[in-house]
Each structure stands twice: as C-alpha cells, then as structure tokens.
Amino acid sequence: MECPRCGGTVTRYRLGERETIGCDECAYVGVSVDHTAEHGPPESWDDAIDRFQAQGQTVERVTREDLPVEVPPADSGADAIEAELADEVDLVIPVFDAAGASTDD
C-alpha cells in the first residue's frame, strides 16, 4: 500500500482483531491532524497573574531599586524601551515554583 502523505510504503500491523497502518518514511499513522492554533483574545497581565496564582504559583513584586543600574540598549526600538523604563511604576514578575516544592516561608 502507498502512503497518502508521502507516497512511501505503508506497513500494516495486526494484533488479534485490531489492525493499524504506519509509514516508516514520514510516520503517517492514518490520523488526520490540524496543526493550526486557535487563538482567543489576548490575556491581560492582571488576568495572567491571577491565573498563575490560582495554579499555586507566587508572584514577586520588583521595584525599580531591584533592577540593575544599566540597561543594555536594544537593537531596534530603543527609544520606546527607554521611555517605558522611564515610567515610575513597579514591575510584577511571575515566579514559577518547582513542581511539588513547598512555598512556606
């Protein structure tokens, strides 16, 4: 039998009453797959942080004083980055705990 995807040779596998096929060249196994993603509306930072916390992750607040003094310039859009860094706001950074790690302080 010829593979419908690549034209290679398809091998039949049988175990008892069950049978399946597979192509050794392209790994086709007779299952239709759609690799396109369906994207919903963008998630806000507040919603993302709420989701992380609901999953048991911790979120650490980082102030400007916690950041390094020098920020390396970006290759493109450096003016926008510098303007964003000039704002006097704190940053919120999600901190992912290792699975099963205790978060007790």
N, C-alpha and C. Protein backbone atom coordinates (compact mmCIF):
# COMPACT_ATOMS: atom_id res chain seq x y z
N MET A 1 0.85 -1.18 0.00
CA MET A 1 0.00 0.00 0.00
C MET A 1 0.89 1.23 0.00
N GLU A 2 0.45 2.29 -0.69
CA GLU A 2 1.21 3.53 -0.79
C GLU A 2 0.71 4.55 0.24
N CYS A 3 1.65 5.27 0.88
CA CYS A 3 1.31 6.28 1.88
C CYS A 3 0.62 7.46 1.20
N PRO A 4 -0.55 7.89 1.71
CA PRO A 4 -1.25 9.02 1.11
C PRO A 4 -0.54 10.35 1.35
N ARG A 5 0.36 10.41 2.32
CA ARG A 5 1.07 11.65 2.61
C ARG A 5 2.33 11.80 1.77
N CYS A 6 3.20 10.78 1.77
CA CYS A 6 4.50 10.93 1.11
C CYS A 6 4.71 9.98 -0.07
N GLY A 7 3.82 9.01 -0.24
CA GLY A 7 3.98 8.06 -1.34
C GLY A 7 4.88 6.89 -0.99
N GLY A 8 5.37 6.84 0.25
CA GLY A 8 6.23 5.75 0.70
C GLY A 8 5.43 4.48 0.96
N THR A 9 6.11 3.47 1.47
CA THR A 9 5.47 2.19 1.73
C THR A 9 4.82 2.19 3.11
N VAL A 10 3.56 1.77 3.15
CA VAL A 10 2.80 1.69 4.39
C VAL A 10 2.84 0.25 4.88
N THR A 11 3.13 0.09 6.17
CA THR A 11 3.17 -1.23 6.80
C THR A 11 1.89 -1.43 7.59
N ARG A 12 1.30 -2.63 7.50
CA ARG A 12 0.10 -2.97 8.28
C ARG A 12 0.54 -3.72 9.53
N TYR A 13 -0.04 -3.36 10.67
CA TYR A 13 0.22 -4.03 11.93
C TYR A 13 -1.08 -4.62 12.42
N ARG A 14 -1.06 -5.89 12.87
CA ARG A 14 -2.27 -6.55 13.32
C ARG A 14 -1.98 -7.25 14.65
N LEU A 15 -2.92 -7.08 15.58
CA LEU A 15 -2.86 -7.77 16.86
C LEU A 15 -4.27 -8.24 17.17
N GLY A 16 -4.47 -9.53 17.08
CA GLY A 16 -5.81 -10.09 17.28
C GLY A 16 -6.75 -9.58 16.20
N GLU A 17 -7.84 -8.97 16.64
CA GLU A 17 -8.84 -8.45 15.70
C GLU A 17 -8.54 -7.02 15.25
N ARG A 18 -7.56 -6.37 15.89
CA ARG A 18 -7.27 -4.95 15.61
C ARG A 18 -6.16 -4.83 14.59
N GLU A 19 -6.25 -3.78 13.77
CA GLU A 19 -5.26 -3.55 12.72
C GLU A 19 -5.03 -2.05 12.57
N THR A 20 -3.79 -1.67 12.28
CA THR A 20 -3.46 -0.28 12.03
C THR A 20 -2.38 -0.23 10.97
N ILE A 21 -2.12 0.96 10.46
CA ILE A 21 -1.09 1.13 9.44
C ILE A 21 -0.12 2.21 9.90
N GLY A 22 1.07 2.21 9.29
CA GLY A 22 2.06 3.23 9.59
C GLY A 22 3.09 3.32 8.47
N CYS A 23 3.53 4.53 8.18
CA CYS A 23 4.55 4.76 7.17
C CYS A 23 5.89 4.95 7.87
N ASP A 24 6.88 4.14 7.49
CA ASP A 24 8.21 4.23 8.11
C ASP A 24 8.97 5.47 7.65
N GLU A 25 8.56 6.07 6.53
CA GLU A 25 9.30 7.22 5.98
C GLU A 25 8.86 8.55 6.58
N CYS A 26 7.54 8.76 6.75
CA CYS A 26 7.07 10.06 7.26
C CYS A 26 6.30 9.96 8.56
N ALA A 27 6.16 8.75 9.11
CA ALA A 27 5.48 8.49 10.39
C ALA A 27 3.97 8.68 10.31
N TYR A 28 3.40 8.68 9.12
CA TYR A 28 1.95 8.75 8.97
C TYR A 28 1.32 7.52 9.59
N VAL A 29 0.24 7.71 10.38
CA VAL A 29 -0.43 6.58 11.02
C VAL A 29 -1.94 6.58 10.75
N GLY A 30 -2.35 7.34 9.75
CA GLY A 30 -3.76 7.33 9.37
C GLY A 30 -4.65 8.22 10.19
N VAL A 31 -4.07 9.17 10.92
CA VAL A 31 -4.85 10.08 11.75
C VAL A 31 -4.75 11.48 11.16
N SER A 32 -5.90 12.10 10.90
CA SER A 32 -5.91 13.48 10.40
C SER A 32 -5.57 14.42 11.55
N VAL A 33 -4.66 15.35 11.30
CA VAL A 33 -4.22 16.28 12.33
C VAL A 33 -4.24 17.69 11.77
N ASP A 34 -4.73 18.63 12.56
CA ASP A 34 -4.72 20.04 12.20
C ASP A 34 -3.78 20.74 13.16
N HIS A 35 -2.67 21.27 12.64
CA HIS A 35 -1.66 21.90 13.48
C HIS A 35 -1.85 23.40 13.63
N THR A 36 -2.95 23.93 13.14
CA THR A 36 -3.17 25.36 13.29
C THR A 36 -3.76 25.63 14.67
N ALA A 37 -3.32 26.70 15.27
CA ALA A 37 -3.79 27.06 16.61
C ALA A 37 -4.97 28.02 16.51
N GLU A 38 -5.87 27.89 17.45
CA GLU A 38 -6.98 28.83 17.55
C GLU A 38 -6.67 29.76 18.72
N HIS A 39 -6.42 31.01 18.41
CA HIS A 39 -6.06 31.98 19.44
C HIS A 39 -7.30 32.76 19.86
N GLY A 40 -7.47 32.88 21.15
CA GLY A 40 -8.56 33.68 21.69
C GLY A 40 -8.09 35.12 21.84
N PRO A 41 -8.85 35.91 22.56
CA PRO A 41 -8.43 37.29 22.78
C PRO A 41 -7.16 37.32 23.64
N PRO A 42 -6.34 38.35 23.48
CA PRO A 42 -5.11 38.43 24.28
C PRO A 42 -5.43 38.50 25.77
N GLU A 43 -4.53 37.94 26.57
CA GLU A 43 -4.72 37.91 28.02
C GLU A 43 -3.99 39.10 28.64
N SER A 44 -4.66 39.82 29.52
CA SER A 44 -4.03 40.95 30.19
C SER A 44 -3.03 40.43 31.23
N TRP A 45 -2.11 41.30 31.66
CA TRP A 45 -1.15 40.91 32.70
C TRP A 45 -1.88 40.58 33.99
N ASP A 46 -2.89 41.36 34.33
CA ASP A 46 -3.64 41.09 35.57
C ASP A 46 -4.30 39.72 35.52
N ASP A 47 -4.90 39.38 34.36
CA ASP A 47 -5.53 38.07 34.22
C ASP A 47 -4.49 36.95 34.28
N ALA A 48 -3.34 37.16 33.65
CA ALA A 48 -2.28 36.15 33.66
C ALA A 48 -1.77 35.92 35.08
N ILE A 49 -1.55 37.00 35.82
CA ILE A 49 -1.06 36.88 37.20
C ILE A 49 -2.10 36.17 38.06
N ASP A 50 -3.38 36.51 37.87
CA ASP A 50 -4.45 35.82 38.61
C ASP A 50 -4.44 34.33 38.29
N ARG A 51 -4.23 33.98 37.01
CA ARG A 51 -4.19 32.57 36.61
C ARG A 51 -3.00 31.86 37.25
N PHE A 52 -1.82 32.51 37.26
CA PHE A 52 -0.64 31.91 37.90
C PHE A 52 -0.90 31.66 39.38
N GLN A 53 -1.49 32.64 40.05
CA GLN A 53 -1.75 32.49 41.48
C GLN A 53 -2.80 31.41 41.74
N ALA A 54 -3.79 31.30 40.86
CA ALA A 54 -4.81 30.26 41.01
C ALA A 54 -4.20 28.87 40.86
N GLN A 55 -3.08 28.77 40.13
CA GLN A 55 -2.38 27.50 39.95
C GLN A 55 -1.35 27.25 41.05
N GLY A 56 -1.32 28.13 42.05
CA GLY A 56 -0.42 27.93 43.18
C GLY A 56 0.96 28.55 42.99
N GLN A 57 1.15 29.35 41.94
CA GLN A 57 2.44 30.00 41.72
C GLN A 57 2.50 31.29 42.54
N THR A 58 3.71 31.75 42.81
CA THR A 58 3.85 33.00 43.53
C THR A 58 4.25 34.10 42.55
N VAL A 59 3.88 35.31 42.87
CA VAL A 59 4.21 36.48 42.05
C VAL A 59 5.00 37.42 42.93
N GLU A 60 6.15 37.81 42.44
CA GLU A 60 7.04 38.68 43.21
C GLU A 60 7.01 40.08 42.63
N ARG A 61 6.81 41.07 43.48
CA ARG A 61 6.81 42.46 43.03
C ARG A 61 8.26 42.95 43.04
N VAL A 62 8.67 43.53 41.91
CA VAL A 62 10.03 44.04 41.77
C VAL A 62 9.95 45.54 41.57
N THR A 63 10.69 46.30 42.38
CA THR A 63 10.70 47.75 42.26
C THR A 63 11.88 48.19 41.40
N ARG A 64 11.89 49.44 41.03
CA ARG A 64 13.00 49.99 40.21
C ARG A 64 14.34 49.83 40.94
N GLU A 65 14.32 49.90 42.26
CA GLU A 65 15.56 49.77 43.02
C GLU A 65 16.14 48.36 42.90
N ASP A 66 15.30 47.37 42.60
CA ASP A 66 15.75 45.99 42.46
C ASP A 66 16.41 45.72 41.11
N LEU A 67 16.19 46.61 40.14
CA LEU A 67 16.72 46.41 38.79
C LEU A 67 18.18 46.84 38.72
N PRO A 68 18.95 46.26 37.76
CA PRO A 68 20.33 46.71 37.58
C PRO A 68 20.35 48.17 37.15
N VAL A 69 21.44 48.87 37.48
CA VAL A 69 21.56 50.30 37.19
C VAL A 69 21.56 50.54 35.68
N GLU A 70 22.34 49.77 34.94
CA GLU A 70 22.44 49.98 33.50
C GLU A 70 21.59 48.96 32.75
N VAL A 71 20.82 49.46 31.81
CA VAL A 71 20.03 48.60 30.95
C VAL A 71 20.66 48.63 29.57
N PRO A 72 21.06 47.48 29.01
CA PRO A 72 21.70 47.50 27.69
C PRO A 72 20.73 48.00 26.63
N PRO A 73 21.26 48.78 25.66
CA PRO A 73 20.38 49.30 24.61
C PRO A 73 19.89 48.17 23.70
N ALA A 74 18.67 48.33 23.23
CA ALA A 74 18.10 47.36 22.29
C ALA A 74 18.54 47.70 20.89
N ASP A 75 18.57 46.69 20.02
CA ASP A 75 18.97 46.90 18.63
C ASP A 75 17.97 47.77 17.89
N SER A 76 16.69 47.57 18.16
CA SER A 76 15.66 48.38 17.50
C SER A 76 14.62 48.77 18.53
N GLY A 77 14.05 49.95 18.34
CA GLY A 77 13.02 50.41 19.26
C GLY A 77 13.57 50.85 20.60
N ALA A 78 14.85 51.24 20.64
CA ALA A 78 15.48 51.62 21.91
C ALA A 78 14.77 52.80 22.55
N ASP A 79 14.27 53.74 21.75
CA ASP A 79 13.57 54.91 22.31
C ASP A 79 12.31 54.49 23.05
N ALA A 80 11.57 53.54 22.49
CA ALA A 80 10.34 53.08 23.14
C ALA A 80 10.66 52.36 24.44
N ILE A 81 11.73 51.58 24.45
CA ILE A 81 12.11 50.85 25.66
C ILE A 81 12.56 51.83 26.74
N GLU A 82 13.38 52.83 26.34
CA GLU A 82 13.84 53.81 27.33
C GLU A 82 12.67 54.60 27.88
N ALA A 83 11.68 54.93 27.04
CA ALA A 83 10.51 55.67 27.52
C ALA A 83 9.71 54.80 28.48
N GLU A 84 9.60 53.51 28.18
CA GLU A 84 8.87 52.60 29.06
C GLU A 84 9.58 52.46 30.40
N LEU A 85 10.92 52.37 30.38
CA LEU A 85 11.68 52.24 31.62
C LEU A 85 11.67 53.52 32.43
N ALA A 86 11.39 54.66 31.79
CA ALA A 86 11.39 55.93 32.49
C ALA A 86 10.15 56.10 33.36
N ASP A 87 9.10 55.33 33.09
CA ASP A 87 7.89 55.41 33.91
C ASP A 87 8.22 55.02 35.35
N GLU A 88 7.63 55.69 36.28
CA GLU A 88 7.87 55.41 37.69
C GLU A 88 6.84 54.41 38.22
N VAL A 89 6.89 53.19 37.70
CA VAL A 89 5.98 52.15 38.16
C VAL A 89 6.79 50.92 38.54
N ASP A 90 6.21 50.11 39.43
CA ASP A 90 6.85 48.85 39.80
C ASP A 90 6.50 47.78 38.78
N LEU A 91 7.35 46.79 38.67
CA LEU A 91 7.11 45.67 37.77
C LEU A 91 6.64 44.48 38.59
N VAL A 92 5.81 43.63 37.98
CA VAL A 92 5.35 42.41 38.61
C VAL A 92 5.86 41.25 37.77
N ILE A 93 6.62 40.35 38.39
CA ILE A 93 7.23 39.24 37.67
C ILE A 93 6.74 37.94 38.28
N PRO A 94 6.12 37.05 37.45
CA PRO A 94 5.71 35.76 37.99
C PRO A 94 6.92 34.89 38.30
N VAL A 95 6.90 34.21 39.42
CA VAL A 95 7.97 33.31 39.82
C VAL A 95 7.38 31.91 39.87
N PHE A 96 7.86 31.02 39.01
CA PHE A 96 7.32 29.68 38.93
C PHE A 96 8.06 28.77 39.90
N ASP A 97 7.32 28.18 40.82
CA ASP A 97 7.90 27.25 41.78
C ASP A 97 8.10 25.90 41.12
N ALA A 98 9.08 25.16 41.56
CA ALA A 98 9.29 23.80 41.06
C ALA A 98 8.09 22.95 41.49
N ALA A 99 7.72 22.00 40.65
CA ALA A 99 6.58 21.15 40.96
C ALA A 99 6.80 20.43 42.28
N GLY A 100 5.83 20.54 43.15
CA GLY A 100 5.91 19.87 44.44
C GLY A 100 6.74 20.60 45.48
N ALA A 101 7.32 21.75 45.11
CA ALA A 101 8.14 22.49 46.07
C ALA A 101 7.25 23.20 47.06
N SER A 102 7.71 23.31 48.27
CA SER A 102 6.96 23.99 49.31
C SER A 102 7.13 25.47 49.16
N THR A 103 6.04 26.23 49.36
CA THR A 103 6.09 27.69 49.28
C THR A 103 6.00 28.31 50.65
N ASP A 104 6.17 27.51 51.71
CA ASP A 104 6.11 28.02 53.07
C ASP A 104 7.35 28.86 53.36
N ASP A 105 7.15 30.04 53.96
CA ASP A 105 8.29 30.90 54.31
C ASP A 105 8.53 30.86 55.79
